[in-house]
Amino acid sequence: MRWFFLGIAFVVVVALLTGMALIRESRGFGIRDQPTAMERWVAGKARMMGIPTEAKSRMNPVPNSPDTLEEARAHWADHCYSCHANDGSGDTPIGKNLYPPAPDMRLPATQQLTDGELFYIIQNGIRLTGMPAWSTGSAHDEEDSWKLVHFIRHLPQVTLEEKKAMEKLNPKSPDDLREEQEEEKFLRGEDTHESTPEHHHH
């Protein structure tokens, strides 16, 4: 049996290397092109082979409740938004420019994974993609990941109100923070131009 699985792994590796050689020959290794059907097939097989059987069958030990979803929603907005967007669509500058692009997690390809598979992916990441491993080995960290599994299940039903609440928790760039401060000053009737120092270019 061991040799059987080694044989399968060898075939997959050969197919991957052959495909990479053909792709490099035809269009290089840029990430702006959409993945080919072969790349998607190999990536899917590699992902499934990389998840241990016992991990797939794990049940979510964290009860699903409004409080759980609220915590997970805040966690998602702060940690996952940059690649996956608040609604799980992957429609962000980073998500769209990964290779392969961040998936739309509302679709069956993600929603049909077991809770154990989703948990394993959050904790361990996926090789050859932009998905990192978030595990730190702590029980609190694992609990947060299980809560995120509940939120991933909720993504197809995320409401406009939820998305607006999440926007306030999304990471902000210095420009975003400056713009927010200027808007607040404007709403208070303050002159934002007086408080903004002039920049002289030499």
N, C-alpha and C. Protein backbone atom coordinates (compact mmCIF):
# COMPACT_ATOMS: atom_id res chain seq x y z
N MET A 1 0.84 -1.20 0.00
CA MET A 1 0.00 0.00 0.00
C MET A 1 0.88 1.26 0.00
N ARG A 2 1.96 1.20 0.77
CA ARG A 2 2.87 2.35 0.83
C ARG A 2 3.44 2.66 -0.55
N TRP A 3 3.82 1.62 -1.28
CA TRP A 3 4.39 1.84 -2.62
C TRP A 3 3.33 2.38 -3.58
N PHE A 4 2.08 2.01 -3.36
CA PHE A 4 0.99 2.51 -4.21
C PHE A 4 0.87 4.02 -4.08
N PHE A 5 0.88 4.52 -2.84
CA PHE A 5 0.75 5.96 -2.62
C PHE A 5 1.99 6.70 -3.11
N LEU A 6 3.16 6.07 -2.93
CA LEU A 6 4.38 6.69 -3.45
C LEU A 6 4.33 6.79 -4.97
N GLY A 7 3.74 5.78 -5.60
CA GLY A 7 3.60 5.80 -7.07
C GLY A 7 2.68 6.93 -7.51
N ILE A 8 1.56 7.10 -6.78
CA ILE A 8 0.63 8.19 -7.11
C ILE A 8 1.33 9.54 -6.96
N ALA A 9 2.05 9.70 -5.85
CA ALA A 9 2.75 10.95 -5.61
C ALA A 9 3.77 11.22 -6.71
N PHE A 10 4.47 10.17 -7.16
CA PHE A 10 5.46 10.32 -8.23
C PHE A 10 4.80 10.79 -9.52
N VAL A 11 3.65 10.20 -9.85
CA VAL A 11 2.93 10.58 -11.07
C VAL A 11 2.49 12.03 -11.01
N VAL A 12 1.98 12.44 -9.86
CA VAL A 12 1.54 13.83 -9.70
C VAL A 12 2.71 14.79 -9.85
N VAL A 13 3.86 14.45 -9.24
CA VAL A 13 5.03 15.32 -9.33
C VAL A 13 5.52 15.41 -10.78
N VAL A 14 5.55 14.29 -11.48
CA VAL A 14 5.98 14.29 -12.88
C VAL A 14 5.04 15.15 -13.72
N ALA A 15 3.73 14.98 -13.48
CA ALA A 15 2.74 15.77 -14.23
C ALA A 15 2.92 17.26 -13.95
N LEU A 16 3.17 17.59 -12.69
CA LEU A 16 3.36 18.99 -12.32
C LEU A 16 4.60 19.57 -12.98
N LEU A 17 5.72 18.85 -12.92
CA LEU A 17 6.96 19.34 -13.52
C LEU A 17 6.84 19.48 -15.02
N THR A 18 6.19 18.51 -15.65
CA THR A 18 5.98 18.57 -17.10
C THR A 18 5.13 19.78 -17.47
N GLY A 19 4.06 19.94 -16.71
CA GLY A 19 3.17 21.08 -16.97
C GLY A 19 3.88 22.40 -16.77
N MET A 20 4.69 22.50 -15.70
CA MET A 20 5.41 23.74 -15.45
C MET A 20 6.38 24.05 -16.57
N ALA A 21 7.02 23.02 -17.09
CA ALA A 21 7.96 23.23 -18.20
C ALA A 21 7.23 23.74 -19.44
N LEU A 22 6.07 23.15 -19.72
CA LEU A 22 5.29 23.59 -20.88
C LEU A 22 4.79 25.01 -20.71
N ILE A 23 4.33 25.34 -19.50
CA ILE A 23 3.83 26.68 -19.24
C ILE A 23 4.96 27.70 -19.38
N ARG A 24 6.12 27.37 -18.83
CA ARG A 24 7.26 28.29 -18.89
C ARG A 24 7.65 28.53 -20.34
N GLU A 25 7.59 27.46 -21.13
CA GLU A 25 7.96 27.56 -22.54
C GLU A 25 6.98 28.44 -23.30
N SER A 26 5.68 28.33 -22.95
CA SER A 26 4.66 29.03 -23.72
C SER A 26 4.36 30.44 -23.24
N ARG A 27 4.37 30.66 -21.90
CA ARG A 27 3.97 31.98 -21.43
C ARG A 27 4.71 32.44 -20.18
N GLY A 28 5.75 31.75 -19.79
CA GLY A 28 6.52 32.18 -18.64
C GLY A 28 5.82 31.87 -17.32
N PHE A 29 6.35 32.46 -16.25
CA PHE A 29 5.82 32.19 -14.92
C PHE A 29 5.15 33.41 -14.30
N GLY A 30 4.68 34.32 -15.13
CA GLY A 30 3.96 35.48 -14.61
C GLY A 30 2.67 35.03 -13.95
N ILE A 31 2.15 35.88 -13.05
CA ILE A 31 0.94 35.51 -12.31
C ILE A 31 -0.31 36.21 -12.83
N ARG A 32 -0.19 36.98 -13.90
CA ARG A 32 -1.36 37.71 -14.37
C ARG A 32 -2.30 36.85 -15.21
N ASP A 33 -1.80 35.76 -15.77
CA ASP A 33 -2.67 34.85 -16.52
C ASP A 33 -3.48 34.00 -15.56
N GLN A 34 -4.64 33.55 -16.01
CA GLN A 34 -5.45 32.64 -15.21
C GLN A 34 -4.79 31.26 -15.20
N PRO A 35 -4.88 30.53 -14.08
CA PRO A 35 -4.31 29.19 -14.04
C PRO A 35 -4.94 28.29 -15.11
N THR A 36 -4.14 27.42 -15.69
CA THR A 36 -4.67 26.49 -16.68
C THR A 36 -5.49 25.41 -15.98
N ALA A 37 -6.26 24.65 -16.78
CA ALA A 37 -7.05 23.56 -16.22
C ALA A 37 -6.15 22.55 -15.52
N MET A 38 -4.98 22.30 -16.11
CA MET A 38 -4.07 21.32 -15.50
C MET A 38 -3.55 21.83 -14.16
N GLU A 39 -3.21 23.13 -14.12
CA GLU A 39 -2.72 23.70 -12.87
C GLU A 39 -3.80 23.62 -11.78
N ARG A 40 -5.03 23.90 -12.15
CA ARG A 40 -6.12 23.83 -11.17
C ARG A 40 -6.30 22.40 -10.69
N TRP A 41 -6.19 21.43 -11.60
CA TRP A 41 -6.37 20.02 -11.23
C TRP A 41 -5.25 19.59 -10.29
N VAL A 42 -4.01 19.94 -10.63
CA VAL A 42 -2.88 19.55 -9.80
C VAL A 42 -2.97 20.21 -8.43
N ALA A 43 -3.34 21.50 -8.42
CA ALA A 43 -3.46 22.21 -7.15
C ALA A 43 -4.53 21.59 -6.27
N GLY A 44 -5.66 21.23 -6.89
CA GLY A 44 -6.75 20.59 -6.13
C GLY A 44 -6.33 19.26 -5.56
N LYS A 45 -5.66 18.45 -6.38
CA LYS A 45 -5.20 17.14 -5.91
C LYS A 45 -4.16 17.28 -4.81
N ALA A 46 -3.26 18.24 -4.98
CA ALA A 46 -2.22 18.45 -3.98
C ALA A 46 -2.83 18.88 -2.66
N ARG A 47 -3.86 19.73 -2.73
CA ARG A 47 -4.51 20.20 -1.51
C ARG A 47 -5.18 19.04 -0.78
N MET A 48 -5.91 18.21 -1.52
CA MET A 48 -6.62 17.10 -0.90
C MET A 48 -5.66 16.05 -0.35
N MET A 49 -4.56 15.80 -1.08
CA MET A 49 -3.59 14.82 -0.60
C MET A 49 -2.84 15.33 0.62
N GLY A 50 -2.78 16.67 0.76
CA GLY A 50 -2.03 17.24 1.86
C GLY A 50 -2.78 17.27 3.17
N ILE A 51 -4.08 16.94 3.15
CA ILE A 51 -4.88 16.96 4.38
C ILE A 51 -5.02 15.53 4.91
N PRO A 52 -4.50 15.25 6.09
CA PRO A 52 -4.59 13.88 6.64
C PRO A 52 -6.05 13.44 6.80
N THR A 53 -6.28 12.15 6.65
CA THR A 53 -7.63 11.60 6.75
C THR A 53 -8.27 11.92 8.09
N GLU A 54 -7.49 11.81 9.16
CA GLU A 54 -8.07 12.06 10.49
C GLU A 54 -8.48 13.52 10.65
N ALA A 55 -7.78 14.42 9.93
CA ALA A 55 -8.14 15.84 10.01
C ALA A 55 -9.48 16.11 9.32
N LYS A 56 -9.73 15.41 8.24
CA LYS A 56 -10.98 15.62 7.48
C LYS A 56 -12.21 15.28 8.30
N SER A 57 -12.08 14.31 9.18
CA SER A 57 -13.24 13.83 9.93
C SER A 57 -13.45 14.53 11.27
N ARG A 58 -12.60 15.51 11.60
CA ARG A 58 -12.74 16.20 12.88
C ARG A 58 -14.02 17.04 12.90
N MET A 59 -14.69 17.01 14.04
CA MET A 59 -15.92 17.79 14.22
C MET A 59 -15.58 19.11 14.91
N ASN A 60 -16.36 20.14 14.61
CA ASN A 60 -16.13 21.45 15.23
C ASN A 60 -16.57 21.41 16.69
N PRO A 61 -15.64 21.59 17.63
CA PRO A 61 -15.99 21.51 19.06
C PRO A 61 -16.60 22.80 19.61
N VAL A 62 -16.56 23.88 18.81
CA VAL A 62 -17.07 25.17 19.28
C VAL A 62 -18.52 25.33 18.85
N PRO A 63 -19.44 25.54 19.79
CA PRO A 63 -20.86 25.72 19.43
C PRO A 63 -21.05 26.95 18.55
N ASN A 64 -21.94 26.82 17.58
CA ASN A 64 -22.26 27.95 16.71
C ASN A 64 -23.34 28.80 17.38
N SER A 65 -23.03 30.06 17.63
CA SER A 65 -23.96 30.95 18.31
C SER A 65 -23.76 32.36 17.76
N PRO A 66 -24.69 33.28 18.04
CA PRO A 66 -24.49 34.67 17.60
C PRO A 66 -23.19 35.28 18.14
N ASP A 67 -22.83 34.94 19.39
CA ASP A 67 -21.59 35.47 19.96
C ASP A 67 -20.37 34.91 19.22
N THR A 68 -20.43 33.62 18.89
CA THR A 68 -19.33 32.99 18.15
C THR A 68 -19.15 33.66 16.80
N LEU A 69 -20.26 33.87 16.09
CA LEU A 69 -20.19 34.51 14.77
C LEU A 69 -19.69 35.95 14.87
N GLU A 70 -20.09 36.65 15.92
CA GLU A 70 -19.64 38.03 16.08
C GLU A 70 -18.13 38.10 16.28
N GLU A 71 -17.61 37.20 17.12
CA GLU A 71 -16.17 37.16 17.35
C GLU A 71 -15.43 36.78 16.08
N ALA A 72 -15.95 35.77 15.39
CA ALA A 72 -15.29 35.31 14.17
C ALA A 72 -15.35 36.38 13.08
N ARG A 73 -16.46 37.09 13.01
CA ARG A 73 -16.61 38.15 12.01
C ARG A 73 -15.57 39.25 12.23
N ALA A 74 -15.35 39.63 13.50
CA ALA A 74 -14.34 40.64 13.81
C ALA A 74 -12.94 40.13 13.48
N HIS A 75 -12.68 38.86 13.80
CA HIS A 75 -11.38 38.25 13.50
C HIS A 75 -11.15 38.22 11.99
N TRP A 76 -12.18 37.83 11.25
CA TRP A 76 -12.08 37.77 9.79
C TRP A 76 -11.78 39.16 9.22
N ALA A 77 -12.52 40.18 9.70
CA ALA A 77 -12.35 41.54 9.18
C ALA A 77 -10.93 42.04 9.40
N ASP A 78 -10.31 41.64 10.51
CA ASP A 78 -8.98 42.12 10.85
C ASP A 78 -7.87 41.31 10.19
N HIS A 79 -8.05 39.98 10.10
CA HIS A 79 -6.98 39.11 9.63
C HIS A 79 -7.14 38.58 8.21
N CYS A 80 -8.38 38.44 7.73
CA CYS A 80 -8.62 37.72 6.48
C CYS A 80 -9.07 38.62 5.33
N TYR A 81 -9.51 39.82 5.68
CA TYR A 81 -10.07 40.73 4.68
C TYR A 81 -9.13 40.99 3.51
N SER A 82 -7.83 41.22 3.79
CA SER A 82 -6.90 41.66 2.75
C SER A 82 -6.88 40.75 1.54
N CYS A 83 -7.01 39.45 1.76
CA CYS A 83 -7.00 38.49 0.65
C CYS A 83 -8.40 38.02 0.27
N HIS A 84 -9.27 37.85 1.26
CA HIS A 84 -10.56 37.20 1.00
C HIS A 84 -11.76 38.13 0.92
N ALA A 85 -11.59 39.42 1.27
CA ALA A 85 -12.68 40.41 1.31
C ALA A 85 -13.63 40.08 2.45
N ASN A 86 -14.41 41.05 2.87
CA ASN A 86 -15.32 40.84 3.99
C ASN A 86 -16.38 39.80 3.69
N ASP A 87 -16.76 39.67 2.42
CA ASP A 87 -17.82 38.72 2.06
C ASP A 87 -17.29 37.39 1.56
N GLY A 88 -15.95 37.19 1.60
CA GLY A 88 -15.37 35.93 1.17
C GLY A 88 -15.21 35.79 -0.32
N SER A 89 -15.47 36.85 -1.08
CA SER A 89 -15.41 36.77 -2.55
C SER A 89 -13.99 36.73 -3.09
N GLY A 90 -13.02 37.21 -2.29
CA GLY A 90 -11.65 37.30 -2.79
C GLY A 90 -11.43 38.52 -3.66
N ASP A 91 -12.42 39.41 -3.73
CA ASP A 91 -12.36 40.58 -4.61
C ASP A 91 -11.65 41.73 -3.91
N THR A 92 -10.34 41.58 -3.74
CA THR A 92 -9.49 42.64 -3.19
C THR A 92 -8.24 42.73 -4.07
N PRO A 93 -7.50 43.84 -4.02
CA PRO A 93 -6.29 43.94 -4.85
C PRO A 93 -5.31 42.80 -4.60
N ILE A 94 -5.13 42.40 -3.34
CA ILE A 94 -4.21 41.29 -3.05
C ILE A 94 -4.82 39.97 -3.50
N GLY A 95 -6.08 39.73 -3.13
CA GLY A 95 -6.72 38.46 -3.45
C GLY A 95 -6.75 38.17 -4.93
N LYS A 96 -7.02 39.19 -5.75
CA LYS A 96 -7.13 38.98 -7.19
C LYS A 96 -5.77 38.78 -7.85
N ASN A 97 -4.70 39.24 -7.19
CA ASN A 97 -3.38 39.15 -7.80
C ASN A 97 -2.52 38.04 -7.22
N LEU A 98 -3.09 37.21 -6.36
CA LEU A 98 -2.39 35.99 -5.95
C LEU A 98 -2.44 34.99 -7.10
N TYR A 99 -1.57 33.97 -7.03
CA TYR A 99 -1.61 32.93 -8.06
C TYR A 99 -1.54 31.57 -7.38
N PRO A 100 -2.63 30.79 -7.41
CA PRO A 100 -3.92 31.16 -8.00
C PRO A 100 -4.62 32.24 -7.19
N PRO A 101 -5.57 32.98 -7.80
CA PRO A 101 -6.30 34.02 -7.06
C PRO A 101 -7.02 33.42 -5.86
N ALA A 102 -7.26 34.25 -4.85
CA ALA A 102 -8.02 33.79 -3.69
C ALA A 102 -9.40 33.33 -4.16
N PRO A 103 -9.86 32.16 -3.71
CA PRO A 103 -11.14 31.63 -4.21
C PRO A 103 -12.33 32.39 -3.63
N ASP A 104 -13.45 32.31 -4.32
CA ASP A 104 -14.71 32.80 -3.77
C ASP A 104 -15.19 31.74 -2.79
N MET A 105 -15.06 32.02 -1.51
CA MET A 105 -15.31 31.02 -0.49
C MET A 105 -16.79 30.78 -0.23
N ARG A 106 -17.63 31.51 -0.94
CA ARG A 106 -19.07 31.27 -0.84
C ARG A 106 -19.53 30.13 -1.73
N LEU A 107 -18.66 29.71 -2.64
CA LEU A 107 -19.02 28.71 -3.65
C LEU A 107 -18.81 27.29 -3.13
N PRO A 108 -19.42 26.30 -3.82
CA PRO A 108 -19.34 24.91 -3.36
C PRO A 108 -17.93 24.37 -3.15
N ALA A 109 -16.96 24.81 -3.96
CA ALA A 109 -15.60 24.28 -3.82
C ALA A 109 -15.07 24.44 -2.40
N THR A 110 -15.48 25.51 -1.72
CA THR A 110 -15.09 25.70 -0.32
C THR A 110 -16.16 25.20 0.63
N GLN A 111 -17.41 25.53 0.35
CA GLN A 111 -18.50 25.18 1.27
C GLN A 111 -18.70 23.68 1.42
N GLN A 112 -18.28 22.89 0.43
CA GLN A 112 -18.44 21.43 0.52
C GLN A 112 -17.31 20.75 1.27
N LEU A 113 -16.27 21.49 1.63
CA LEU A 113 -15.22 20.91 2.46
C LEU A 113 -15.78 20.64 3.86
N THR A 114 -15.23 19.66 4.53
CA THR A 114 -15.69 19.36 5.89
C THR A 114 -15.15 20.43 6.85
N ASP A 115 -15.75 20.50 8.03
CA ASP A 115 -15.24 21.43 9.04
C ASP A 115 -13.78 21.13 9.36
N GLY A 116 -13.45 19.85 9.42
CA GLY A 116 -12.08 19.46 9.72
C GLY A 116 -11.10 19.93 8.64
N GLU A 117 -11.53 19.83 7.38
CA GLU A 117 -10.66 20.29 6.29
C GLU A 117 -10.44 21.80 6.35
N LEU A 118 -11.52 22.55 6.60
CA LEU A 118 -11.38 24.00 6.71
C LEU A 118 -10.45 24.38 7.87
N PHE A 119 -10.64 23.72 9.00
CA PHE A 119 -9.80 23.98 10.17
C PHE A 119 -8.34 23.69 9.85
N TYR A 120 -8.08 22.57 9.20
CA TYR A 120 -6.71 22.17 8.87
C TYR A 120 -6.05 23.20 7.95
N ILE A 121 -6.82 23.70 6.97
CA ILE A 121 -6.28 24.68 6.03
C ILE A 121 -5.95 25.99 6.74
N ILE A 122 -6.84 26.43 7.63
CA ILE A 122 -6.58 27.66 8.39
C ILE A 122 -5.31 27.50 9.23
N GLN A 123 -5.19 26.37 9.88
CA GLN A 123 -4.06 26.14 10.78
C GLN A 123 -2.74 25.91 10.05
N ASN A 124 -2.80 25.22 8.91
CA ASN A 124 -1.57 24.77 8.25
C ASN A 124 -1.28 25.41 6.90
N GLY A 125 -2.21 26.20 6.37
CA GLY A 125 -2.00 26.85 5.08
C GLY A 125 -2.05 25.86 3.93
N ILE A 126 -1.78 26.37 2.73
CA ILE A 126 -1.75 25.54 1.52
C ILE A 126 -0.48 25.87 0.76
N ARG A 127 0.33 24.88 0.51
CA ARG A 127 1.58 25.10 -0.20
C ARG A 127 1.33 25.62 -1.62
N LEU A 128 2.29 26.42 -2.11
CA LEU A 128 2.27 26.95 -3.47
C LEU A 128 1.09 27.87 -3.73
N THR A 129 0.52 28.44 -2.67
CA THR A 129 -0.51 29.47 -2.80
C THR A 129 -0.16 30.57 -1.82
N GLY A 130 -1.01 31.59 -1.75
CA GLY A 130 -0.76 32.67 -0.80
C GLY A 130 -1.35 32.40 0.58
N MET A 131 -1.95 31.20 0.78
CA MET A 131 -2.61 30.91 2.05
C MET A 131 -1.57 30.51 3.10
N PRO A 132 -1.37 31.35 4.14
CA PRO A 132 -0.37 31.02 5.16
C PRO A 132 -0.92 30.09 6.24
N ALA A 133 -0.04 29.59 7.06
CA ALA A 133 -0.44 28.78 8.22
C ALA A 133 -0.60 29.71 9.41
N TRP A 134 -1.76 29.65 10.08
CA TRP A 134 -2.03 30.55 11.20
C TRP A 134 -1.86 29.90 12.56
N SER A 135 -1.47 28.64 12.59
CA SER A 135 -1.34 27.93 13.86
C SER A 135 -0.16 28.46 14.67
N THR A 136 -0.41 28.66 15.97
CA THR A 136 0.68 29.01 16.89
C THR A 136 0.86 27.93 17.95
N GLY A 137 0.01 26.89 17.88
CA GLY A 137 0.11 25.81 18.83
C GLY A 137 -0.66 26.01 20.11
N SER A 138 -1.35 27.14 20.26
CA SER A 138 -2.09 27.40 21.49
C SER A 138 -3.54 26.96 21.36
N ALA A 139 -4.15 26.61 22.50
CA ALA A 139 -5.56 26.19 22.51
C ALA A 139 -6.47 27.35 22.11
N HIS A 140 -6.11 28.55 22.53
CA HIS A 140 -6.91 29.74 22.19
C HIS A 140 -6.90 29.97 20.68
N ASP A 141 -5.74 29.77 20.08
CA ASP A 141 -5.59 29.93 18.63
C ASP A 141 -6.46 28.91 17.89
N GLU A 142 -6.47 27.67 18.37
CA GLU A 142 -7.29 26.65 17.74
C GLU A 142 -8.78 26.99 17.85
N GLU A 143 -9.17 27.50 19.01
CA GLU A 143 -10.57 27.88 19.20
C GLU A 143 -10.97 28.98 18.21
N ASP A 144 -10.08 29.96 18.01
CA ASP A 144 -10.35 31.02 17.05
C ASP A 144 -10.52 30.45 15.64
N SER A 145 -9.70 29.46 15.29
CA SER A 145 -9.80 28.86 13.96
C SER A 145 -11.12 28.11 13.79
N TRP A 146 -11.56 27.42 14.83
CA TRP A 146 -12.85 26.73 14.75
C TRP A 146 -13.99 27.73 14.61
N LYS A 147 -13.86 28.88 15.28
CA LYS A 147 -14.88 29.93 15.13
C LYS A 147 -14.90 30.45 13.70
N LEU A 148 -13.72 30.59 13.10
CA LEU A 148 -13.65 31.03 11.71
C LEU A 148 -14.33 30.03 10.78
N VAL A 149 -14.25 28.76 11.10
CA VAL A 149 -14.95 27.74 10.29
C VAL A 149 -16.44 28.04 10.28
N HIS A 150 -17.01 28.38 11.43
CA HIS A 150 -18.43 28.75 11.48
C HIS A 150 -18.70 29.97 10.61
N PHE A 151 -17.79 30.95 10.65
CA PHE A 151 -18.02 32.15 9.85
C PHE A 151 -17.92 31.85 8.36
N ILE A 152 -17.00 30.97 7.98
CA ILE A 152 -16.89 30.57 6.57
C ILE A 152 -18.21 29.96 6.09
N ARG A 153 -18.84 29.15 6.93
CA ARG A 153 -20.15 28.58 6.59
C ARG A 153 -21.20 29.69 6.43
N HIS A 154 -21.00 30.79 7.14
CA HIS A 154 -21.97 31.90 7.14
C HIS A 154 -21.77 32.85 5.96
N LEU A 155 -20.61 32.78 5.30
CA LEU A 155 -20.28 33.73 4.24
C LEU A 155 -21.37 33.88 3.17
N PRO A 156 -22.00 32.80 2.70
CA PRO A 156 -23.04 32.99 1.67
C PRO A 156 -24.23 33.82 2.14
N GLN A 157 -24.39 33.98 3.46
CA GLN A 157 -25.53 34.73 4.00
C GLN A 157 -25.12 36.07 4.63
N VAL A 158 -23.87 36.50 4.45
CA VAL A 158 -23.44 37.76 5.05
C VAL A 158 -24.30 38.90 4.54
N THR A 159 -24.78 39.74 5.46
CA THR A 159 -25.68 40.83 5.11
C THR A 159 -24.90 42.13 4.86
N LEU A 160 -25.58 43.10 4.26
CA LEU A 160 -24.97 44.39 4.01
C LEU A 160 -24.60 45.07 5.33
N GLU A 161 -25.44 44.91 6.35
CA GLU A 161 -25.14 45.50 7.65
C GLU A 161 -23.88 44.90 8.25
N GLU A 162 -23.71 43.58 8.10
CA GLU A 162 -22.50 42.93 8.61
C GLU A 162 -21.26 43.45 7.89
N LYS A 163 -21.36 43.59 6.58
CA LYS A 163 -20.20 44.06 5.81
C LYS A 163 -19.83 45.49 6.20
N LYS A 164 -20.81 46.33 6.44
CA LYS A 164 -20.52 47.70 6.85
C LYS A 164 -19.85 47.73 8.24
N ALA A 165 -20.32 46.86 9.14
CA ALA A 165 -19.69 46.79 10.46
C ALA A 165 -18.26 46.29 10.34
N MET A 166 -18.02 45.36 9.42
CA MET A 166 -16.67 44.82 9.25
C MET A 166 -15.72 45.85 8.65
N GLU A 167 -16.23 46.73 7.81
CA GLU A 167 -15.37 47.75 7.19
C GLU A 167 -14.66 48.60 8.25
N LYS A 168 -15.32 48.82 9.38
CA LYS A 168 -14.71 49.62 10.44
C LYS A 168 -13.54 48.88 11.12
N LEU A 169 -13.52 47.56 10.95
CA LEU A 169 -12.49 46.75 11.59
C LEU A 169 -11.37 46.36 10.63
N ASN A 170 -11.54 46.68 9.34
CA ASN A 170 -10.51 46.32 8.36
C ASN A 170 -9.22 47.09 8.61
N PRO A 171 -8.07 46.47 8.32
CA PRO A 171 -6.79 47.17 8.48
C PRO A 171 -6.78 48.46 7.65
N LYS A 172 -6.22 49.52 8.22
CA LYS A 172 -6.19 50.82 7.55
C LYS A 172 -4.75 51.20 7.21
N SER A 173 -4.58 51.73 6.00
CA SER A 173 -3.28 52.27 5.60
C SER A 173 -3.13 53.67 6.19
N PRO A 174 -1.91 54.22 6.24
CA PRO A 174 -1.73 55.59 6.73
C PRO A 174 -2.61 56.60 5.98
N ASP A 175 -2.76 56.41 4.66
CA ASP A 175 -3.61 57.32 3.88
C ASP A 175 -5.07 57.21 4.30
N ASP A 176 -5.52 55.97 4.54
CA ASP A 176 -6.90 55.77 4.99
C ASP A 176 -7.15 56.45 6.33
N LEU A 177 -6.20 56.29 7.26
CA LEU A 177 -6.33 56.90 8.58
C LEU A 177 -6.35 58.42 8.49
N ARG A 178 -5.49 58.97 7.63
CA ARG A 178 -5.44 60.42 7.45
C ARG A 178 -6.75 60.94 6.88
N GLU A 179 -7.29 60.21 5.91
CA GLU A 179 -8.55 60.61 5.31
C GLU A 179 -9.69 60.58 6.32
N GLU A 180 -9.71 59.53 7.17
CA GLU A 180 -10.75 59.44 8.20
C GLU A 180 -10.65 60.61 9.18
N GLN A 181 -9.41 60.96 9.57
CA GLN A 181 -9.22 62.06 10.50
C GLN A 181 -9.69 63.38 9.90
N GLU A 182 -9.41 63.58 8.62
CA GLU A 182 -9.84 64.81 7.96
C GLU A 182 -11.35 64.87 7.85
N GLU A 183 -11.98 63.72 7.59
CA GLU A 183 -13.44 63.69 7.51
C GLU A 183 -14.05 64.03 8.87
N GLU A 184 -13.48 63.47 9.93
CA GLU A 184 -13.99 63.75 11.28
C GLU A 184 -13.84 65.23 11.62
N LYS A 185 -12.71 65.82 11.27
CA LYS A 185 -12.51 67.24 11.53
C LYS A 185 -13.51 68.08 10.73
N PHE A 186 -13.74 67.68 9.48
CA PHE A 186 -14.69 68.42 8.64
C PHE A 186 -16.09 68.36 9.25
N LEU A 187 -16.47 67.17 9.73
CA LEU A 187 -17.80 67.02 10.33
C LEU A 187 -17.94 67.83 11.62
N ARG A 188 -16.81 68.05 12.31
CA ARG A 188 -16.84 68.87 13.53
C ARG A 188 -16.74 70.37 13.22
N GLY A 189 -16.62 70.70 11.92
CA GLY A 189 -16.55 72.10 11.51
C GLY A 189 -15.18 72.70 11.60
N GLU A 190 -14.15 71.84 11.73
CA GLU A 190 -12.78 72.34 11.80
C GLU A 190 -12.21 72.50 10.40
N ASP A 191 -11.27 73.43 10.25
CA ASP A 191 -10.62 73.65 8.96
C ASP A 191 -9.47 72.66 8.83
N THR A 192 -9.64 71.67 7.99
CA THR A 192 -8.61 70.63 7.86
C THR A 192 -7.35 71.15 7.20
N HIS A 193 -7.45 72.25 6.42
CA HIS A 193 -6.27 72.75 5.72
C HIS A 193 -5.28 73.40 6.68
N GLU A 194 -5.81 74.00 7.76
CA GLU A 194 -4.92 74.63 8.71
C GLU A 194 -4.08 73.63 9.48
N SER A 195 -4.67 72.43 9.70
CA SER A 195 -3.96 71.43 10.50
C SER A 195 -3.05 70.54 9.68
N THR A 196 -3.09 70.74 8.36
CA THR A 196 -2.25 69.91 7.49
C THR A 196 -1.01 70.67 7.09
N PRO A 197 0.17 70.25 7.53
CA PRO A 197 1.39 70.99 7.20
C PRO A 197 1.67 70.94 5.71
N GLU A 198 2.29 72.03 5.21
CA GLU A 198 2.64 72.06 3.79
C GLU A 198 3.92 71.29 3.57
N HIS A 199 3.99 70.67 2.42
CA HIS A 199 5.19 69.91 2.08
C HIS A 199 5.90 70.63 0.94
N HIS A 200 7.18 70.93 1.11
CA HIS A 200 7.92 71.61 0.09
C HIS A 200 8.88 70.63 -0.56
N HIS A 201 8.89 70.62 -1.87
CA HIS A 201 9.78 69.71 -2.60
C HIS A 201 11.00 70.52 -3.05
N HIS A 202 12.15 69.97 -2.79
CA HIS A 202 13.38 70.66 -3.16
C HIS A 202 13.98 69.98 -4.38
